[in-house]
Protein backbone atom coordinates (compact mmCIF):
# COMPACT_ATOMS: atom_id res chain seq x y z
CA UNK A 1 24.79 -7.06 -23.51
CA UNK A 2 23.52 -7.75 -20.03
CA UNK A 3 22.35 -11.10 -18.75
CA UNK A 4 20.38 -11.20 -15.60
CA UNK A 5 19.83 -14.58 -13.67
CA UNK A 6 17.19 -14.83 -10.79
CA UNK A 7 17.18 -17.37 -8.14
CA UNK A 8 15.44 -18.21 -4.60
CA UNK A 9 11.81 -18.37 -5.61
CA UNK A 10 9.90 -21.11 -4.32
CA UNK A 11 6.79 -21.91 -2.18
CA UNK A 12 6.48 -20.44 1.31
CA UNK A 13 3.69 -20.46 3.97
CA UNK A 14 2.03 -16.92 4.83
CA UNK A 15 4.20 -15.23 7.31
CA UNK A 16 7.50 -16.79 5.93
CA UNK A 17 10.42 -15.22 4.17
CA UNK A 18 12.47 -15.74 0.90
CA UNK A 19 15.45 -14.14 -0.48
CA UNK A 20 15.88 -13.47 -4.25
CA UNK A 21 19.18 -13.14 -5.92
CA UNK A 22 19.77 -11.62 -9.26
CA UNK A 23 23.18 -11.91 -10.91
CA UNK A 24 24.21 -9.73 -13.80
CA UNK A 25 26.83 -10.81 -16.08
CA UNK A 26 28.05 -9.99 -19.66
CA UNK A 27 29.73 -6.72 -21.17
CA UNK A 28 29.38 -3.83 -18.98
CA UNK A 29 31.44 -1.49 -16.67
CA UNK A 30 28.88 -0.81 -13.96
CA UNK A 31 25.17 -0.91 -13.85
CA UNK A 32 23.95 2.02 -11.74
CA UNK A 33 20.12 1.00 -10.82
CA UNK A 34 18.94 -2.49 -10.48
CA UNK A 35 15.44 -3.53 -9.31
CA UNK A 36 12.46 -5.96 -8.62
CA UNK A 37 9.20 -6.14 -10.62
CA UNK A 38 6.55 -8.56 -10.22
CA UNK A 39 3.58 -9.90 -12.32
CA UNK A 40 0.60 -11.52 -10.76
CA UNK A 41 -1.70 -13.89 -13.18
CA UNK A 42 -4.21 -11.58 -14.99
CA UNK A 43 -2.42 -8.23 -13.81
CA UNK A 44 0.21 -5.98 -15.08
CA UNK A 45 3.80 -5.95 -14.11
CA UNK A 46 4.57 -3.52 -11.34
CA UNK A 47 7.57 -2.05 -9.79
CA UNK A 48 8.50 -3.78 -6.26
CA UNK A 49 11.78 -2.19 -5.39
CA UNK A 50 14.83 -0.48 -6.93
CA UNK A 51 18.55 0.20 -5.77
CA UNK A 52 21.32 2.18 -6.95
CA UNK A 53 24.98 1.50 -6.59
CA UNK A 54 25.25 4.54 -4.37
CA UNK A 55 22.78 2.75 -2.00
CA UNK A 56 19.44 4.81 -2.59
CA UNK A 57 16.46 2.33 -2.26
CA UNK A 58 12.69 2.81 -3.27
CA UNK A 59 9.92 0.42 -2.57
CA UNK A 60 6.27 0.15 -3.57
CA UNK A 61 3.81 0.88 -0.91
CA UNK A 62 2.75 -2.63 -0.91
CA UNK A 63 5.87 -4.00 0.45
CA UNK A 64 7.38 -1.21 2.23
CA UNK A 65 8.29 -2.41 5.73
CA UNK A 66 8.37 -5.91 4.64
CA UNK A 67 10.80 -6.09 1.94
CA UNK A 68 14.48 -5.23 1.57
CA UNK A 69 16.55 -4.71 -1.66
CA UNK A 70 20.25 -4.68 -1.25
CA UNK A 71 23.32 -4.75 -3.66
CA UNK A 72 26.70 -6.53 -3.91
CA UNK A 73 28.57 -4.03 -6.32
CA UNK A 74 31.52 -6.23 -6.55
CA UNK A 75 29.58 -9.10 -7.66
CA UNK A 76 26.88 -7.17 -9.71
CA UNK A 77 24.26 -8.69 -7.76
CA UNK A 78 20.91 -7.49 -6.31
CA UNK A 79 19.20 -9.10 -3.50
CA UNK A 80 15.54 -8.90 -2.45
CA UNK A 81 14.50 -10.11 1.11
CA UNK A 82 11.01 -10.74 1.44
CA UNK A 83 9.59 -10.95 4.84
CA UNK A 84 6.09 -11.51 6.46
CA UNK A 85 5.02 -12.75 2.95
CA UNK A 86 1.35 -12.51 2.22
CA UNK A 87 -0.86 -14.61 -0.41
CA UNK A 88 -1.09 -11.47 -2.42
CA UNK A 89 2.79 -11.48 -2.87
CA UNK A 90 2.34 -14.53 -5.12
CA UNK A 91 3.84 -13.60 -8.53
CA UNK A 92 6.64 -14.15 -10.63
CA UNK A 93 9.32 -11.76 -10.02
CA UNK A 94 11.60 -10.58 -12.36
CA UNK A 95 15.12 -8.79 -12.12
CA UNK A 96 15.55 -5.56 -13.88
CA UNK A 97 18.64 -3.10 -15.18
CA UNK A 98 18.73 -0.27 -17.38
CA UNK A 99 21.86 0.03 -19.13
CA UNK A 100 23.10 2.45 -21.95
CA UNK A 101 19.35 3.22 -22.93
CA UNK A 102 18.32 -0.33 -22.85
CA UNK A 103 15.96 -2.36 -20.33
CA UNK A 104 17.44 -5.79 -19.55
CA UNK A 105 15.30 -8.59 -17.84
CA UNK A 106 15.88 -11.53 -15.98
CA UNK A 107 13.70 -14.67 -16.99
CA UNK A 108 11.60 -14.62 -13.65
CA UNK A 109 11.44 -16.71 -10.57
CA UNK A 110 7.89 -18.03 -9.19
CA UNK A 111 7.09 -16.75 -5.64
CA UNK A 112 3.99 -18.84 -4.19
CA UNK A 113 2.60 -17.91 -0.94
CA UNK A 114 0.18 -20.26 0.21
CA UNK A 115 -1.08 -22.35 3.34
């Protein structure tokens, strides 16, 4: 019903920046909330940031002040601007959207922060 496709991951040095994008497509009228999760090797998936179509945002404490989530409602796209990246930010980042009682996930994009 909803397909999520992420892009923008890659290798970056500590202190660098990346911007992730997630485009939603499929049969839906509007997705209210979208967000980003991440999962590092050997660790559980954790919530990074969420955004509603009305502009409300929330962040994990570990990324607050460094990451920024934004939305383009016309394009059904959510972005994650990541600044001042640290090695501990290394993970697979997943786009997430709940819609009509179901959870939809992207396939994930790898972010590696290393010198």
